[in-house]
Amino acid sequence: MVTNFTWRILIVGLVVGVLAAVCYFFIEKDEEEKRRNAYLDKMRNKVKK
C-alpha cells in the first residue's frame, strides 16, 4: 500500500505531536506539584504536634 504524504499532512502531524508533548509536560508538572504539596502538608502537621 502506498501512502502519499503531502506537506499538509506532515504539518498537521507535527502540530498534533507538539500539542501532545506540551500537554504531557504540564500534566507531569501538575502531578509533581501535588506530590510536593502533600509532602509539605505532612511536614507542617509534624511541626504542629
N, C-alpha and C. Protein backbone atom coordinates (compact mmCIF):
# COMPACT_ATOMS: atom_id res chain seq x y z
N MET A 1 0.84 -1.18 0.00
CA MET A 1 0.00 0.00 0.00
C MET A 1 0.88 1.24 0.00
N VAL A 2 0.63 2.14 -0.88
CA VAL A 2 1.41 3.37 -0.99
C VAL A 2 0.59 4.52 -0.41
N THR A 3 1.22 5.28 0.48
CA THR A 3 0.55 6.43 1.08
C THR A 3 1.24 7.69 0.60
N ASN A 4 0.47 8.64 0.17
CA ASN A 4 1.03 9.92 -0.26
C ASN A 4 1.03 10.89 0.93
N PHE A 5 2.20 11.27 1.35
CA PHE A 5 2.32 12.24 2.43
C PHE A 5 2.51 13.62 1.81
N THR A 6 1.52 14.46 1.99
CA THR A 6 1.63 15.83 1.49
C THR A 6 2.18 16.70 2.62
N TRP A 7 2.57 17.91 2.27
CA TRP A 7 3.08 18.84 3.28
C TRP A 7 2.01 19.13 4.32
N ARG A 8 0.76 19.20 3.88
CA ARG A 8 -0.33 19.49 4.81
C ARG A 8 -0.44 18.38 5.87
N ILE A 9 -0.36 17.14 5.45
CA ILE A 9 -0.46 16.01 6.39
C ILE A 9 0.73 16.03 7.36
N LEU A 10 1.91 16.30 6.85
CA LEU A 10 3.10 16.33 7.71
C LEU A 10 3.02 17.47 8.73
N ILE A 11 2.55 18.63 8.30
CA ILE A 11 2.44 19.78 9.21
C ILE A 11 1.38 19.51 10.28
N VAL A 12 0.24 18.94 9.89
CA VAL A 12 -0.80 18.62 10.87
C VAL A 12 -0.27 17.59 11.87
N GLY A 13 0.45 16.60 11.41
CA GLY A 13 1.04 15.61 12.30
C GLY A 13 2.04 16.24 13.26
N LEU A 14 2.83 17.16 12.77
CA LEU A 14 3.80 17.86 13.61
C LEU A 14 3.09 18.68 14.68
N VAL A 15 2.05 19.40 14.29
CA VAL A 15 1.30 20.23 15.24
C VAL A 15 0.66 19.35 16.32
N VAL A 16 0.07 18.24 15.93
CA VAL A 16 -0.55 17.33 16.90
C VAL A 16 0.51 16.78 17.85
N GLY A 17 1.67 16.43 17.34
CA GLY A 17 2.75 15.93 18.18
C GLY A 17 3.23 16.96 19.18
N VAL A 18 3.38 18.20 18.74
CA VAL A 18 3.83 19.27 19.64
C VAL A 18 2.78 19.53 20.71
N LEU A 19 1.51 19.57 20.33
CA LEU A 19 0.45 19.78 21.32
C LEU A 19 0.41 18.66 22.35
N ALA A 20 0.60 17.43 21.90
CA ALA A 20 0.61 16.30 22.82
C ALA A 20 1.79 16.40 23.79
N ALA A 21 2.95 16.82 23.29
CA ALA A 21 4.13 16.96 24.15
C ALA A 21 3.92 18.06 25.19
N VAL A 22 3.33 19.17 24.78
CA VAL A 22 3.07 20.27 25.71
C VAL A 22 2.08 19.84 26.79
N CYS A 23 1.01 19.17 26.39
CA CYS A 23 0.02 18.69 27.36
C CYS A 23 0.66 17.70 28.33
N TYR A 24 1.48 16.80 27.85
CA TYR A 24 2.15 15.83 28.71
C TYR A 24 3.06 16.53 29.71
N PHE A 25 3.77 17.56 29.25
CA PHE A 25 4.67 18.30 30.12
C PHE A 25 3.90 18.95 31.26
N PHE A 26 2.77 19.59 30.96
CA PHE A 26 2.01 20.27 32.00
C PHE A 26 1.30 19.29 32.93
N ILE A 27 0.85 18.16 32.42
CA ILE A 27 0.22 17.16 33.28
C ILE A 27 1.26 16.61 34.26
N GLU A 28 2.47 16.38 33.77
CA GLU A 28 3.55 15.89 34.63
C GLU A 28 3.85 16.90 35.73
N LYS A 29 3.88 18.18 35.42
CA LYS A 29 4.17 19.21 36.41
C LYS A 29 3.06 19.28 37.45
N ASP A 30 1.81 19.13 37.05
CA ASP A 30 0.70 19.16 38.00
C ASP A 30 0.82 18.02 39.00
N GLU A 31 1.17 16.84 38.53
CA GLU A 31 1.32 15.69 39.43
C GLU A 31 2.48 15.92 40.40
N GLU A 32 3.56 16.49 39.91
CA GLU A 32 4.71 16.75 40.77
C GLU A 32 4.36 17.80 41.82
N GLU A 33 3.59 18.80 41.43
CA GLU A 33 3.17 19.84 42.37
C GLU A 33 2.28 19.26 43.47
N LYS A 34 1.37 18.36 43.10
CA LYS A 34 0.51 17.71 44.10
C LYS A 34 1.35 16.91 45.08
N ARG A 35 2.36 16.21 44.57
CA ARG A 35 3.22 15.41 45.44
C ARG A 35 3.99 16.30 46.41
N ARG A 36 4.50 17.42 45.92
CA ARG A 36 5.25 18.33 46.79
C ARG A 36 4.34 18.96 47.85
N ASN A 37 3.13 19.35 47.45
CA ASN A 37 2.20 19.94 48.41
C ASN A 37 1.81 18.94 49.48
N ALA A 38 1.62 17.69 49.11
CA ALA A 38 1.30 16.65 50.09
C ALA A 38 2.45 16.49 51.08
N TYR A 39 3.67 16.52 50.57
CA TYR A 39 4.85 16.39 51.45
C TYR A 39 4.93 17.58 52.41
N LEU A 40 4.70 18.80 51.90
CA LEU A 40 4.77 19.98 52.75
C LEU A 40 3.67 19.96 53.81
N ASP A 41 2.47 19.52 53.44
CA ASP A 41 1.39 19.41 54.43
C ASP A 41 1.75 18.41 55.52
N LYS A 42 2.37 17.32 55.12
CA LYS A 42 2.80 16.30 56.09
C LYS A 42 3.83 16.88 57.05
N MET A 43 4.77 17.67 56.53
CA MET A 43 5.80 18.27 57.37
C MET A 43 5.18 19.32 58.31
N ARG A 44 4.21 20.09 57.81
CA ARG A 44 3.55 21.09 58.66
C ARG A 44 2.84 20.41 59.82
N ASN A 45 2.20 19.29 59.56
CA ASN A 45 1.49 18.58 60.62
C ASN A 45 2.45 18.01 61.65
N LYS A 46 3.65 17.62 61.24
CA LYS A 46 4.64 17.12 62.19
C LYS A 46 5.11 18.24 63.11
N VAL A 47 5.27 19.46 62.57
CA VAL A 47 5.76 20.58 63.36
C VAL A 47 4.72 21.00 64.39
N LYS A 48 3.44 20.94 64.04
CA LYS A 48 2.37 21.37 64.95
C LYS A 48 2.27 20.48 66.17
N LYS A 49 2.60 19.21 66.05
CA LYS A 49 2.44 18.27 67.17
C LYS A 49 3.45 18.47 68.26
